[in-house]
Amino acid sequence: MKDKNIDSFKKDLSSFKQSAQEAQRTSVTGNDKATFDSGMKQLLDEVNVVEATAEQKGLAPAQQEAKKLRDIMAQFHTKLGV
């Protein structure tokens, strides 16, 4: 997320989104499934917000919004113990 131009930012964000979507298809079972599903939904919802911000407002606001992705990942990694 330290890109210097909007095109590389969008490319990196697209790769991140694809990786998150692939992870979302991971088979998680047991008590962790609901937590995992919730975390993935929140993460992908925020990716959509970052994409919209990049389109509408440009690089710097999108980078600021993208910081929330780390917070979401950290929160759910802690909850899931990964």
Protein backbone atom coordinates (compact mmCIF):
# COMPACT_ATOMS: atom_id res chain seq x y z
CA MET A 1 0.00 0.00 0.00
CA LYS A 2 3.04 2.24 -0.38
CA ASP A 3 2.47 2.70 -4.08
CA LYS A 4 3.46 6.01 -5.64
CA ASN A 5 0.73 6.09 -8.30
CA ILE A 6 -2.91 5.14 -8.54
CA ASP A 7 -2.44 2.50 -11.24
CA SER A 8 0.02 0.42 -9.23
CA PHE A 9 -2.15 0.88 -6.13
CA LYS A 10 -5.19 -0.46 -7.99
CA LYS A 11 -3.15 -3.38 -9.33
CA ASP A 12 -1.88 -4.29 -5.86
CA LEU A 13 -5.35 -3.91 -4.38
CA SER A 14 -6.76 -6.18 -7.08
CA SER A 15 -4.15 -8.84 -6.25
CA PHE A 16 -4.95 -8.50 -2.55
CA LYS A 17 -8.67 -8.87 -3.27
CA GLN A 18 -8.07 -11.97 -5.36
CA SER A 19 -5.98 -13.52 -2.58
CA ALA A 20 -8.67 -12.70 -0.02
CA GLN A 21 -11.34 -14.27 -2.22
CA GLU A 22 -9.23 -17.41 -2.56
CA ALA A 23 -8.74 -17.51 1.21
CA GLN A 24 -12.48 -17.09 1.67
CA ARG A 25 -12.98 -20.40 -0.12
CA THR A 26 -10.84 -22.14 2.50
CA SER A 27 -12.68 -24.88 4.34
CA VAL A 28 -12.85 -23.77 7.94
CA THR A 29 -14.89 -25.96 10.22
CA GLY A 30 -15.99 -25.98 13.80
CA ASN A 31 -16.41 -23.03 16.10
CA ASP A 32 -14.03 -20.87 14.05
CA LYS A 33 -16.15 -20.96 10.87
CA ALA A 34 -18.51 -18.15 11.86
CA THR A 35 -15.61 -15.96 12.99
CA PHE A 36 -13.67 -16.68 9.80
CA ASP A 37 -16.68 -15.98 7.59
CA SER A 38 -17.39 -12.73 9.43
CA GLY A 39 -13.79 -11.60 9.13
CA MET A 40 -13.61 -12.38 5.43
CA LYS A 41 -16.85 -10.53 4.77
CA GLN A 42 -15.61 -7.46 6.65
CA LEU A 43 -12.27 -7.60 4.85
CA LEU A 44 -13.80 -7.87 1.38
CA ASP A 45 -16.39 -5.20 2.16
CA GLU A 46 -13.54 -2.86 3.13
CA VAL A 47 -11.64 -3.75 -0.06
CA ASN A 48 -14.71 -2.57 -1.97
CA VAL A 49 -14.67 0.70 -0.02
CA VAL A 50 -10.97 1.17 -0.79
CA GLU A 51 -11.60 0.50 -4.49
CA ALA A 52 -14.40 3.08 -4.55
CA THR A 53 -12.25 5.59 -2.69
CA ALA A 54 -9.44 5.11 -5.19
CA GLU A 55 -11.82 5.73 -8.09
CA GLN A 56 -13.56 8.72 -6.57
CA LYS A 57 -10.91 10.47 -4.52
CA GLY A 58 -7.51 9.28 -5.67
CA LEU A 59 -4.41 7.70 -4.22
CA ALA A 60 -3.82 9.38 -0.86
CA PRO A 61 -7.39 8.94 0.45
CA ALA A 62 -7.44 5.36 -0.79
CA GLN A 63 -4.17 4.61 0.99
CA GLN A 64 -5.60 6.09 4.18
CA GLU A 65 -8.74 3.96 3.85
CA ALA A 66 -6.63 0.88 3.12
CA LYS A 67 -5.07 1.09 6.59
CA LYS A 68 -8.34 -0.33 7.90
CA LEU A 69 -7.54 -3.59 6.08
CA ARG A 70 -4.60 -4.23 8.42
CA ASP A 71 -6.80 -3.56 11.44
CA ILE A 72 -9.43 -6.02 10.24
CA MET A 73 -6.84 -8.68 9.49
CA ALA A 74 -5.14 -8.22 12.86
CA GLN A 75 -8.44 -8.37 14.70
CA PHE A 76 -9.51 -11.63 13.10
CA HIS A 77 -6.07 -13.22 13.11
CA THR A 78 -6.07 -12.67 16.87
CA LYS A 79 -9.58 -14.10 17.25
CA LEU A 80 -8.63 -17.14 15.18
CA GLY A 81 -5.18 -17.58 16.72
CA VAL A 82 -3.29 -17.36 13.43
